[in-house]
């Protein structure tokens, strides 16, 4: 999990329940060197959970447009610490695990499709097709040898760090811009190791790429470059879906509907009044008493 300014409370809530529901897991958290007091609460949380919560910080704040750099550094340190990692379940602070079943779902999908990246890729939870055109257009700009940085507006003369990896990805039928939504996804350990061995994680410059500031399109490209697959979590072909992962709020379900559908993960549940109310009501209906 990556925690930015103002996200401490919902991050700790999401992590608390993830650790309770999945007692054999470890939480790996990176904080964005915030100066608004956000870091204090994750520090206290990690100190109270020795051996289960690991907290690290960016050397300098990267901000929202530096999330790709932050996440690449997170995966570098994660796989160095746990080289035999089975899988990594990435949660944004506004994503909630509600029940057991995520690990079983991942193992089932990986057994069927092989190692890769599980998440909301081609479809939304309603079954509607997701639109990848905005990231495609950014990739087209980014692959030019000269252009302005989206974050700093500085002119940069270079091909993006992922150029050679994109050539490999196209061999495995990669489509420019297609990606798994970053809010909640699951990476197979073999995929994380393969991208370490290929130099993908380390190749990310401190300034990131010029236009691709999100981690999700880059991780998706890297998955195909490693010869692995993007695995759909919103697959309605086998019956009702087990998660509700969408891009923007609000989730079009009541707390009771979320519980009655036995959803195991949802996103987004923000830190605003409506988000906190939904989070609280769902926890109450599930009998999950706050710490």
C-alpha atoms as a PDB file:
ATOM      1  CA  UNK A   1       0.000   0.000   0.000  1.00  0.00           C
ATOM      2  CA  UNK A   2       1.109   3.527  -0.821  1.00  0.00           C
ATOM      3  CA  UNK A   3      -0.093   6.201   1.623  1.00  0.00           C
ATOM      4  CA  UNK A   4      -0.281   9.871   0.664  1.00  0.00           C
ATOM      5  CA  UNK A   5      -1.349  13.076   2.430  1.00  0.00           C
ATOM      6  CA  UNK A   6      -4.563  12.788   4.427  1.00  0.00           C
ATOM      7  CA  UNK A   7      -4.935   9.046   3.862  1.00  0.00           C
ATOM      8  CA  UNK A   8      -3.680   7.754   7.217  1.00  0.00           C
ATOM      9  CA  UNK A   9      -7.023   6.968   8.855  1.00  0.00           C
ATOM     10  CA  UNK A  10      -8.581   5.035   5.996  1.00  0.00           C
ATOM     11  CA  UNK A  11      -5.249   3.339   5.263  1.00  0.00           C
ATOM     12  CA  UNK A  12      -5.004   2.048   8.822  1.00  0.00           C
ATOM     13  CA  UNK A  13      -8.636   0.906   8.779  1.00  0.00           C
ATOM     14  CA  UNK A  14      -8.101  -1.004   5.523  1.00  0.00           C
ATOM     15  CA  UNK A  15      -4.829  -2.528   6.750  1.00  0.00           C
ATOM     16  CA  UNK A  16      -6.284  -3.476  10.145  1.00  0.00           C
ATOM     17  CA  UNK A  17      -9.032  -5.552   8.585  1.00  0.00           C
ATOM     18  CA  UNK A  18      -6.752  -7.023   5.934  1.00  0.00           C
ATOM     19  CA  UNK A  19      -4.413  -8.313   8.649  1.00  0.00           C
ATOM     20  CA  UNK A  20      -7.299  -9.650  10.753  1.00  0.00           C
ATOM     21  CA  UNK A  21      -8.929 -11.442   7.836  1.00  0.00           C
ATOM     22  CA  UNK A  22      -5.639 -12.864   6.537  1.00  0.00           C
ATOM     23  CA  UNK A  23      -3.548 -13.781   9.602  1.00  0.00           C
ATOM     24  CA  UNK A  24      -0.701 -15.293   7.577  1.00  0.00           C
ATOM     25  CA  UNK A  25      -0.012 -12.120   5.646  1.00  0.00           C
ATOM     26  CA  UNK A  26       2.390  -9.211   6.029  1.00  0.00           C
ATOM     27  CA  UNK A  27       1.622  -5.569   5.191  1.00  0.00           C
ATOM     28  CA  UNK A  28       4.260  -3.641   3.240  1.00  0.00           C
ATOM     29  CA  UNK A  29       3.519   0.089   3.384  1.00  0.00           C
ATOM     30  CA  UNK A  30       5.292   3.028   1.749  1.00  0.00           C
ATOM     31  CA  UNK A  31       4.612   6.593   2.862  1.00  0.00           C
ATOM     32  CA  UNK A  32       5.167   9.625   0.659  1.00  0.00           C
ATOM     33  CA  UNK A  33       7.366  11.637   3.059  1.00  0.00           C
ATOM     34  CA  UNK A  34       4.360  13.819   3.849  1.00  0.00           C
ATOM     35  CA  UNK A  35       4.648  17.000   5.888  1.00  0.00           C
ATOM     36  CA  UNK A  36       1.019  17.159   7.040  1.00  0.00           C
ATOM     37  CA  UNK A  37       1.341  14.684   9.919  1.00  0.00           C
ATOM     38  CA  UNK A  38       0.159  11.681   7.897  1.00  0.00           C
ATOM     39  CA  UNK A  39       3.301   9.672   8.654  1.00  0.00           C
ATOM     40  CA  UNK A  40       2.797   9.614  12.434  1.00  0.00           C
ATOM     41  CA  UNK A  41      -0.191   7.261  12.397  1.00  0.00           C
ATOM     42  CA  UNK A  42       1.340   4.635  10.065  1.00  0.00           C
ATOM     43  CA  UNK A  43       4.499   4.751  12.213  1.00  0.00           C
ATOM     44  CA  UNK A  44       2.455   4.045  15.346  1.00  0.00           C
ATOM     45  CA  UNK A  45       0.513   1.321  13.530  1.00  0.00           C
ATOM     46  CA  UNK A  46       3.714  -0.383  12.356  1.00  0.00           C
ATOM     47  CA  UNK A  47       5.272  -0.121  15.815  1.00  0.00           C
ATOM     48  CA  UNK A  48       2.211  -1.833  17.271  1.00  0.00           C
ATOM     49  CA  UNK A  49       2.400  -4.688  14.763  1.00  0.00           C
ATOM     50  CA  UNK A  50       6.048  -5.822  14.766  1.00  0.00           C
ATOM     51  CA  UNK A  51       6.831  -8.465  12.177  1.00  0.00           C
ATOM     52  CA  UNK A  52       3.532  -7.944  10.359  1.00  0.00           C
ATOM     53  CA  UNK A  53       3.703  -4.319   9.203  1.00  0.00           C
ATOM     54  CA  UNK A  54       6.760  -2.880   7.461  1.00  0.00           C
ATOM     55  CA  UNK A  55       6.832   0.860   6.851  1.00  0.00           C
ATOM     56  CA  UNK A  56       9.172   2.719   4.513  1.00  0.00           C
ATOM     57  CA  UNK A  57       9.193   6.276   3.161  1.00  0.00           C
ATOM     58  CA  UNK A  58      10.085   7.987  -0.071  1.00  0.00           C
ATOM     59  CA  UNK A  59      13.347   9.954   0.231  1.00  0.00           C
ATOM     60  CA  UNK A  60      11.383  13.013  -0.912  1.00  0.00           C
ATOM     61  CA  UNK A  61       7.685  13.447  -1.534  1.00  0.00           C
ATOM     62  CA  UNK A  62       6.646  12.277  -4.993  1.00  0.00           C
ATOM     63  CA  UNK A  63       3.008  13.379  -4.834  1.00  0.00           C
ATOM     64  CA  UNK A  64       0.162  11.966  -6.882  1.00  0.00           C
ATOM     65  CA  UNK A  65       2.050  12.367 -10.169  1.00  0.00           C
ATOM     66  CA  UNK A  66       4.945  10.420  -8.698  1.00  0.00           C
ATOM     67  CA  UNK A  67       2.916   7.348  -7.740  1.00  0.00           C
ATOM     68  CA  UNK A  68       4.591   5.181 -10.401  1.00  0.00           C
ATOM     69  CA  UNK A  69       8.054   5.966  -9.036  1.00  0.00           C
ATOM     70  CA  UNK A  70       6.845   5.272  -5.493  1.00  0.00           C
ATOM     71  CA  UNK A  71       5.314   1.920  -6.414  1.00  0.00           C
ATOM     72  CA  UNK A  72       8.338   0.760  -8.417  1.00  0.00           C
ATOM     73  CA  UNK A  73      10.571   1.487  -5.415  1.00  0.00           C
ATOM     74  CA  UNK A  74       8.088  -0.345  -3.176  1.00  0.00           C
ATOM     75  CA  UNK A  75       8.265  -3.498  -5.308  1.00  0.00           C
ATOM     76  CA  UNK A  76      12.055  -3.325  -5.449  1.00  0.00           C
ATOM     77  CA  UNK A  77      12.330  -3.344  -1.663  1.00  0.00           C
ATOM     78  CA  UNK A  78       9.475  -5.823  -1.188  1.00  0.00           C
ATOM     79  CA  UNK A  79      10.988  -8.538  -3.350  1.00  0.00           C
ATOM     80  CA  UNK A  80      14.425  -7.938  -1.842  1.00  0.00           C
ATOM     81  CA  UNK A  81      12.952  -8.558   1.630  1.00  0.00           C
ATOM     82  CA  UNK A  82      10.720 -11.486   0.590  1.00  0.00           C
ATOM     83  CA  UNK A  83      12.439 -13.145  -2.402  1.00  0.00           C
ATOM     84  CA  UNK A  84      10.144 -16.203  -2.278  1.00  0.00           C
ATOM     85  CA  UNK A  85       6.931 -14.155  -2.130  1.00  0.00           C
ATOM     86  CA  UNK A  86       3.882 -16.059  -3.408  1.00  0.00           C
ATOM     87  CA  UNK A  87       1.825 -13.006  -4.335  1.00  0.00           C
ATOM     88  CA  UNK A  88       1.303  -9.323  -3.528  1.00  0.00           C
ATOM     89  CA  UNK A  89      -2.200  -7.907  -3.039  1.00  0.00           C
ATOM     90  CA  UNK A  90      -2.086  -4.182  -3.753  1.00  0.00           C
ATOM     91  CA  UNK A  91      -4.639  -2.054  -1.919  1.00  0.00           C
ATOM     92  CA  UNK A  92      -5.131   1.663  -2.214  1.00  0.00           C
ATOM     93  CA  UNK A  93      -6.098   3.192   1.146  1.00  0.00           C
ATOM     94  CA  UNK A  94      -9.674   3.522  -0.154  1.00  0.00           C
ATOM     95  CA  UNK A  95      -9.924  -0.183  -1.022  1.00  0.00           C
ATOM     96  CA  UNK A  96     -11.416  -2.547   1.560  1.00  0.00           C
ATOM     97  CA  UNK A  97     -11.064  -6.270   2.046  1.00  0.00           C
ATOM     98  CA  UNK A  98     -14.305  -7.505   3.612  1.00  0.00           C
ATOM     99  CA  UNK A  99     -14.078 -11.273   3.853  1.00  0.00           C
ATOM    100  CA  UNK A 100     -11.740 -14.192   3.420  1.00  0.00           C
ATOM    101  CA  UNK A 101     -11.431 -15.475  -0.133  1.00  0.00           C
ATOM    102  CA  UNK A 102      -9.064 -13.092  -1.929  1.00  0.00           C
ATOM    103  CA  UNK A 103      -6.073 -15.443  -1.653  1.00  0.00           C
ATOM    104  CA  UNK A 104      -8.155 -18.421  -2.780  1.00  0.00           C
ATOM    105  CA  UNK A 105      -9.504 -16.412  -5.718  1.00  0.00           C
ATOM    106  CA  UNK A 106      -5.972 -15.434  -6.727  1.00  0.00           C
ATOM    107  CA  UNK A 107      -4.623 -18.974  -6.483  1.00  0.00           C
ATOM    108  CA  UNK A 108      -7.525 -20.236  -8.588  1.00  0.00           C
ATOM    109  CA  UNK A 109      -7.009 -17.598 -11.307  1.00  0.00           C
ATOM    110  CA  UNK A 110      -3.233 -18.077 -11.370  1.00  0.00           C
ATOM    111  CA  UNK A 111      -3.674 -21.858 -11.608  1.00  0.00           C
ATOM    112  CA  UNK A 112      -5.942 -21.345 -14.620  1.00  0.00           C
ATOM    113  CA  UNK A 113      -4.105 -18.531 -16.415  1.00  0.00           C
ATOM    114  CA  UNK A 114      -0.544 -18.741 -15.127  1.00  0.00           C
ATOM    115  CA  UNK A 115       1.411 -16.003 -13.342  1.00  0.00           C
ATOM    116  CA  UNK A 116       0.451 -12.431 -14.074  1.00  0.00           C
ATOM    117  CA  UNK A 117      -1.645  -9.567 -12.769  1.00  0.00           C
ATOM    118  CA  UNK A 118      -5.255  -9.956 -11.589  1.00  0.00           C
ATOM    119  CA  UNK A 119      -7.573  -6.958 -11.533  1.00  0.00           C
ATOM    120  CA  UNK A 120     -10.200  -4.882 -13.293  1.00  0.00           C
ATOM    121  CA  UNK A 121      -8.867  -4.803 -16.832  1.00  0.00           C
ATOM    122  CA  UNK A 122     -11.351  -5.018 -19.692  1.00  0.00           C
ATOM    123  CA  UNK A 123     -14.588  -4.756 -17.724  1.00  0.00           C
ATOM    124  CA  UNK A 124     -16.153  -2.754 -14.928  1.00  0.00           C
ATOM    125  CA  UNK A 125     -18.128  -4.577 -12.210  1.00  0.00           C
ATOM    126  CA  UNK A 126     -21.346  -3.913 -14.157  1.00  0.00           C
ATOM    127  CA  UNK A 127     -19.922  -5.733 -17.170  1.00  0.00           C
ATOM    128  CA  UNK A 128     -19.417  -2.553 -19.193  1.00  0.00           C
ATOM    129  CA  UNK A 129     -16.208  -2.275 -21.216  1.00  0.00           C
ATOM    130  CA  UNK A 130     -13.457  -0.132 -19.702  1.00  0.00           C
ATOM    131  CA  UNK A 131     -11.968   2.617 -21.873  1.00  0.00           C
ATOM    132  CA  UNK A 132      -8.162   2.542 -22.277  1.00  0.00           C
ATOM    133  CA  UNK A 133      -7.867   5.343 -24.828  1.00  0.00           C
ATOM    134  CA  UNK A 134      -6.582   8.059 -22.487  1.00  0.00           C
ATOM    135  CA  UNK A 135      -3.573   5.967 -21.467  1.00  0.00           C
ATOM    136  CA  UNK A 136      -3.024   4.925 -25.084  1.00  0.00           C
ATOM    137  CA  UNK A 137      -2.810   8.588 -26.088  1.00  0.00           C
ATOM    138  CA  UNK A 138      -0.359   9.326 -23.250  1.00  0.00           C
ATOM    139  CA  UNK A 139       1.830   6.403 -24.334  1.00  0.00           C
ATOM    140  CA  UNK A 140       1.927   7.739 -27.884  1.00  0.00           C
ATOM    141  CA  UNK A 141       3.187  11.099 -26.558  1.00  0.00           C
ATOM    142  CA  UNK A 142       5.598   9.421 -24.169  1.00  0.00           C
ATOM    143  CA  UNK A 143       7.246   7.256 -26.808  1.00  0.00           C
ATOM    144  CA  UNK A 144       8.446  10.338 -28.679  1.00  0.00           C
ATOM    145  CA  UNK A 145      12.136  11.115 -27.925  1.00  0.00           C
ATOM    146  CA  UNK A 146      11.275  14.666 -26.856  1.00  0.00           C
ATOM    147  CA  UNK A 147       8.419  16.130 -24.852  1.00  0.00           C
ATOM    148  CA  UNK A 148       7.374  17.963 -21.711  1.00  0.00           C
ATOM    149  CA  UNK A 149       7.074  16.279 -18.355  1.00  0.00           C
ATOM    150  CA  UNK A 150       3.471  16.189 -17.134  1.00  0.00           C
ATOM    151  CA  UNK A 151       4.571  16.873 -13.561  1.00  0.00           C
ATOM    152  CA  UNK A 152       7.273  19.542 -13.972  1.00  0.00           C
ATOM    153  CA  UNK A 153       6.505  20.864 -17.471  1.00  0.00           C
ATOM    154  CA  UNK A 154      10.229  20.607 -18.203  1.00  0.00           C
ATOM    155  CA  UNK A 155      11.376  19.601 -21.675  1.00  0.00           C
ATOM    156  CA  UNK A 156      13.018  16.164 -21.636  1.00  0.00           C
ATOM    157  CA  UNK A 157      15.010  14.536 -24.432  1.00  0.00           C
ATOM    158  CA  UNK A 158      14.962  10.760 -24.057  1.00  0.00           C
ATOM    159  CA  UNK A 159      13.104   7.617 -24.936  1.00  0.00           C
ATOM    160  CA  UNK A 160      11.089   6.290 -21.961  1.00  0.00           C
ATOM    161  CA  UNK A 161      12.718   3.748 -19.679  1.00  0.00           C
ATOM    162  CA  UNK A 162      10.237   1.044 -20.669  1.00  0.00           C
ATOM    163  CA  UNK A 163      10.942   1.200 -24.426  1.00  0.00           C
ATOM    164  CA  UNK A 164      12.766  -2.136 -24.696  1.00  0.00           C
ATOM    165  CA  UNK A 165      10.201  -3.770 -22.430  1.00  0.00           C
ATOM    166  CA  UNK A 166       7.337  -2.543 -24.618  1.00  0.00           C
ATOM    167  CA  UNK A 167       8.919  -4.279 -27.611  1.00  0.00           C
ATOM    168  CA  UNK A 168       8.834  -7.540 -25.667  1.00  0.00           C
ATOM    169  CA  UNK A 169       5.236  -6.883 -24.548  1.00  0.00           C
ATOM    170  CA  UNK A 170       4.038  -6.465 -28.146  1.00  0.00           C
ATOM    171  CA  UNK A 171       5.302  -9.983 -28.879  1.00  0.00           C
ATOM    172  CA  UNK A 172       2.712 -11.194 -26.356  1.00  0.00           C
ATOM    173  CA  UNK A 173      -0.147  -9.222 -27.965  1.00  0.00           C
ATOM    174  CA  UNK A 174       0.067  -6.183 -25.708  1.00  0.00           C
ATOM    175  CA  UNK A 175      -2.283  -3.362 -26.713  1.00  0.00           C
ATOM    176  CA  UNK A 176      -1.014   0.134 -25.986  1.00  0.00           C
ATOM    177  CA  UNK A 177      -2.686   1.609 -22.920  1.00  0.00           C
ATOM    178  CA  UNK A 178      -4.528  -1.526 -21.818  1.00  0.00           C
ATOM    179  CA  UNK A 179      -4.141  -1.849 -18.082  1.00  0.00           C
ATOM    180  CA  UNK A 180      -5.423  -3.244 -14.810  1.00  0.00           C
ATOM    181  CA  UNK A 181      -6.896  -0.637 -12.453  1.00  0.00           C
ATOM    182  CA  UNK A 182      -4.326   0.235  -9.790  1.00  0.00           C
ATOM    183  CA  UNK A 183      -6.695   0.574  -6.826  1.00  0.00           C
ATOM    184  CA  UNK A 184      -6.815  -3.184  -6.182  1.00  0.00           C
ATOM    185  CA  UNK A 185      -4.824  -5.837  -7.987  1.00  0.00           C
ATOM    186  CA  UNK A 186      -2.850  -8.996  -7.285  1.00  0.00           C
ATOM    187  CA  UNK A 187       0.639  -9.718  -8.632  1.00  0.00           C
ATOM    188  CA  UNK A 188       2.039 -13.225  -8.802  1.00  0.00           C
ATOM    189  CA  UNK A 189       5.429 -13.514  -7.120  1.00  0.00           C
ATOM    190  CA  UNK A 190       6.946 -14.873 -10.344  1.00  0.00           C
ATOM    191  CA  UNK A 191       5.918 -11.681 -12.119  1.00  0.00           C
ATOM    192  CA  UNK A 192       7.582  -9.464  -9.493  1.00  0.00           C
ATOM    193  CA  UNK A 193      10.753 -11.577  -9.657  1.00  0.00           C
ATOM    194  CA  UNK A 194      10.781 -11.589 -13.456  1.00  0.00           C
ATOM    195  CA  UNK A 195      10.592  -7.792 -13.567  1.00  0.00           C
ATOM    196  CA  UNK A 196      13.436  -7.569 -11.075  1.00  0.00           C
ATOM    197  CA  UNK A 197      15.580  -9.892 -13.167  1.00  0.00           C
ATOM    198  CA  UNK A 198      14.801  -7.993 -16.382  1.00  0.00           C
ATOM    199  CA  UNK A 199      15.761  -4.696 -14.753  1.00  0.00           C
ATOM    200  CA  UNK A 200      12.262  -3.245 -15.123  1.00  0.00           C
ATOM    201  CA  UNK A 201      11.914  -2.005 -11.522  1.00  0.00           C
ATOM    202  CA  UNK A 202      15.393  -0.502 -11.378  1.00  0.00           C
ATOM    203  CA  UNK A 203      15.033   1.184 -14.786  1.00  0.00           C
ATOM    204  CA  UNK A 204      12.452   3.659 -13.478  1.00  0.00           C
ATOM    205  CA  UNK A 205      14.173   7.090 -13.247  1.00  0.00           C
ATOM    206  CA  UNK A 206      13.545   9.349 -10.252  1.00  0.00           C
ATOM    207  CA  UNK A 207      11.594  11.705 -12.520  1.00  0.00           C
ATOM    208  CA  UNK A 208       9.447   8.860 -13.825  1.00  0.00           C
ATOM    209  CA  UNK A 209       8.375   8.851 -17.442  1.00  0.00           C
ATOM    210  CA  UNK A 210       7.212  12.111 -19.021  1.00  0.00           C
ATOM    211  CA  UNK A 211       3.544  11.212 -19.483  1.00  0.00           C
ATOM    212  CA  UNK A 212       2.820   7.866 -17.802  1.00  0.00           C
ATOM    213  CA  UNK A 213       2.594   8.937 -14.185  1.00  0.00           C
ATOM    214  CA  UNK A 214       0.305   6.118 -13.043  1.00  0.00           C
ATOM    215  CA  UNK A 215       1.683   2.760 -11.985  1.00  0.00           C
ATOM    216  CA  UNK A 216      -1.151   0.676 -13.420  1.00  0.00           C
ATOM    217  CA  UNK A 217      -0.393   1.084 -17.156  1.00  0.00           C
ATOM    218  CA  UNK A 218       3.316   0.499 -16.567  1.00  0.00           C
ATOM    219  CA  UNK A 219       2.803  -2.600 -14.423  1.00  0.00           C
ATOM    220  CA  UNK A 220       0.388  -3.940 -17.014  1.00  0.00           C
ATOM    221  CA  UNK A 221       2.939  -3.394 -19.783  1.00  0.00           C
ATOM    222  CA  UNK A 222       5.593  -5.075 -17.630  1.00  0.00           C
ATOM    223  CA  UNK A 223       3.334  -8.074 -17.087  1.00  0.00           C
ATOM    224  CA  UNK A 224       3.094  -8.720 -20.834  1.00  0.00           C
ATOM    225  CA  UNK A 225       6.820  -7.995 -21.273  1.00  0.00           C
ATOM    226  CA  UNK A 226       7.520 -10.850 -18.838  1.00  0.00           C
ATOM    227  CA  UNK A 227       5.348 -13.157 -20.954  1.00  0.00           C
ATOM    228  CA  UNK A 228       2.585 -13.191 -18.342  1.00  0.00           C
ATOM    229  CA  UNK A 229      -1.113 -12.302 -18.548  1.00  0.00           C
ATOM    230  CA  UNK A 230      -3.537  -9.622 -17.428  1.00  0.00           C
ATOM    231  CA  UNK A 231      -6.248 -11.638 -15.686  1.00  0.00           C
ATOM    232  CA  UNK A 232      -9.760 -10.227 -15.436  1.00  0.00           C
ATOM    233  CA  UNK A 233     -11.332 -10.037 -11.987  1.00  0.00           C
ATOM    234  CA  UNK A 234     -14.681  -8.725 -13.286  1.00  0.00           C
ATOM    235  CA  UNK A 235     -15.395 -11.933 -15.182  1.00  0.00           C
ATOM    236  CA  UNK A 236     -19.144 -12.570 -15.206  1.00  0.00           C
ATOM    237  CA  UNK A 237     -18.882 -15.775 -17.244  1.00  0.00           C
ATOM    238  CA  UNK A 238     -18.617 -17.969 -14.128  1.00  0.00           C
ATOM    239  CA  UNK A 239     -21.514 -16.355 -12.277  1.00  0.00           C
ATOM    240  CA  UNK A 240     -21.658 -13.390  -9.880  1.00  0.00           C
ATOM    241  CA  UNK A 241     -18.384 -11.536  -9.368  1.00  0.00           C
ATOM    242  CA  UNK A 242     -16.764 -11.640  -5.929  1.00  0.00           C
ATOM    243  CA  UNK A 243     -15.381  -8.101  -5.866  1.00  0.00           C
ATOM    244  CA  UNK A 244     -16.637  -4.644  -6.776  1.00  0.00           C
ATOM    245  CA  UNK A 245     -13.665  -2.684  -8.131  1.00  0.00           C
ATOM    246  CA  UNK A 246     -14.442   0.494 -10.044  1.00  0.00           C
ATOM    247  CA  UNK A 247     -12.524   3.687 -10.806  1.00  0.00           C
ATOM    248  CA  UNK A 248     -14.559   6.558  -9.345  1.00  0.00           C
ATOM    249  CA  UNK A 249     -17.049   6.792  -6.471  1.00  0.00           C
ATOM    250  CA  UNK A 250     -19.730   6.232  -5.532  1.00  0.00           C
ATOM    251  CA  UNK A 251     -20.194   2.475  -5.408  1.00  0.00           C
ATOM    252  CA  UNK A 252     -23.804   1.999  -6.616  1.00  0.00           C
ATOM    253  CA  UNK A 253     -24.618  -0.486  -3.867  1.00  0.00           C
ATOM    254  CA  UNK A 254     -25.917  -0.051  -0.345  1.00  0.00           C
ATOM    255  CA  UNK A 255     -24.056  -1.547   2.592  1.00  0.00           C
ATOM    256  CA  UNK A 256     -26.691  -4.280   2.819  1.00  0.00           C
ATOM    257  CA  UNK A 257     -26.316  -5.125  -0.875  1.00  0.00           C
ATOM    258  CA  UNK A 258     -22.541  -5.349  -0.489  1.00  0.00           C
ATOM    259  CA  UNK A 259     -22.944  -7.745   2.431  1.00  0.00           C
ATOM    260  CA  UNK A 260     -25.767  -9.763   0.857  1.00  0.00           C
ATOM    261  CA  UNK A 261     -23.697 -10.271  -2.318  1.00  0.00           C
ATOM    262  CA  UNK A 262     -20.887 -11.598  -0.131  1.00  0.00           C
ATOM    263  CA  UNK A 263     -18.352  -9.346  -1.837  1.00  0.00           C
ATOM    264  CA  UNK A 264     -14.815  -9.921  -0.599  1.00  0.00           C
ATOM    265  CA  UNK A 265     -13.302  -6.576  -1.711  1.00  0.00           C
ATOM    266  CA  UNK A 266     -14.612  -3.172  -2.779  1.00  0.00           C
ATOM    267  CA  UNK A 267     -13.235   0.096  -4.153  1.00  0.00           C
ATOM    268  CA  UNK A 268     -13.492   3.069  -3.794  1.00  0.00           C
ATOM    269  CA  UNK A 269     -14.531   3.908  -0.238  1.00  0.00           C
ATOM    270  CA  UNK A 270     -13.175   7.418   0.254  1.00  0.00           C
ATOM    271  CA  UNK A 271     -12.464   9.426   3.410  1.00  0.00           C
ATOM    272  CA  UNK A 272     -15.391  11.792   2.830  1.00  0.00           C
ATOM    273  CA  UNK A 273     -18.629  11.616   4.808  1.00  0.00           C
ATOM    274  CA  UNK A 274     -20.338   9.157   2.447  1.00  0.00           C
ATOM    275  CA  UNK A 275     -17.285   6.927   2.257  1.00  0.00           C
ATOM    276  CA  UNK A 276     -16.832   6.738   6.015  1.00  0.00           C
ATOM    277  CA  UNK A 277     -20.546   6.058   6.473  1.00  0.00           C
ATOM    278  CA  UNK A 278     -20.470   3.177   3.979  1.00  0.00           C
ATOM    279  CA  UNK A 279     -17.279   1.748   5.459  1.00  0.00           C
ATOM    280  CA  UNK A 280     -18.748   1.896   8.975  1.00  0.00           C
ATOM    281  CA  UNK A 281     -22.100   0.373   8.035  1.00  0.00           C
ATOM    282  CA  UNK A 282     -20.553  -2.512   6.084  1.00  0.00           C
ATOM    283  CA  UNK A 283     -18.204  -3.312   8.967  1.00  0.00           C
ATOM    284  CA  UNK A 284     -21.140  -3.218  11.392  1.00  0.00           C
ATOM    285  CA  UNK A 285     -23.270  -5.567   9.273  1.00  0.00           C
ATOM    286  CA  UNK A 286     -20.332  -7.973   9.041  1.00  0.00           C
ATOM    287  CA  UNK A 287     -19.822  -7.837  12.794  1.00  0.00           C
ATOM    288  CA  UNK A 288     -16.368  -6.314  12.430  1.00  0.00           C
ATOM    289  CA  UNK A 289     -15.933  -4.201  15.535  1.00  0.00           C
ATOM    290  CA  UNK A 290     -13.456  -1.335  15.170  1.00  0.00           C
ATOM    291  CA  UNK A 291     -10.256  -1.655  17.225  1.00  0.00           C
END
